Amino acid sequence: EPRRMSALGHNVWRVRWITFVYSGFWGAVAGLLFVYYHKYIHPTTLSLTNSAEALLGVIAGGAGTIAGPIVGATIVLILKNYVSAYLERWNMLLGLVFVLIVIFMPDGVVPGVRRGWERWTKR
């Protein structure tokens, strides 16, 4: 919370800037390793579909958790790699799964499962 940080004497703008630069650095390292591994990059690599799949994975898994993006990426990859072999319109199924996750687990899969587990163990 920015007000609490500034009340404690921290420079909120500086912390945000350092966080932005740090995350940008690791994004650049990931891009560098991608190009180094493939020896070639094509504009379709940065297509809207690939960006949307990454965003769907983060939102579906739970953006506020460490394991959330990993779980979300696993869901997207399973649907992309396995279901697409059987269904031609696997993107529609991905959209349906995403809508169901947003309706029934608005915080994401990981926080939703955690809440369900807490309810189950309190019985």
Foldseek 3Di string as FASTA:
>chain_A
DVVVCVVVPDDPVVVVVVVVVVVVVVVVVVVVVVCVVVVDDDVCVVDPVVVVLQVLLCQQQAVVDPCRSVNSNVVSCCLVPPVVVPDVPSVVVSVVSSVVSCVQPVRHDVVNVVVVVVVVVVD
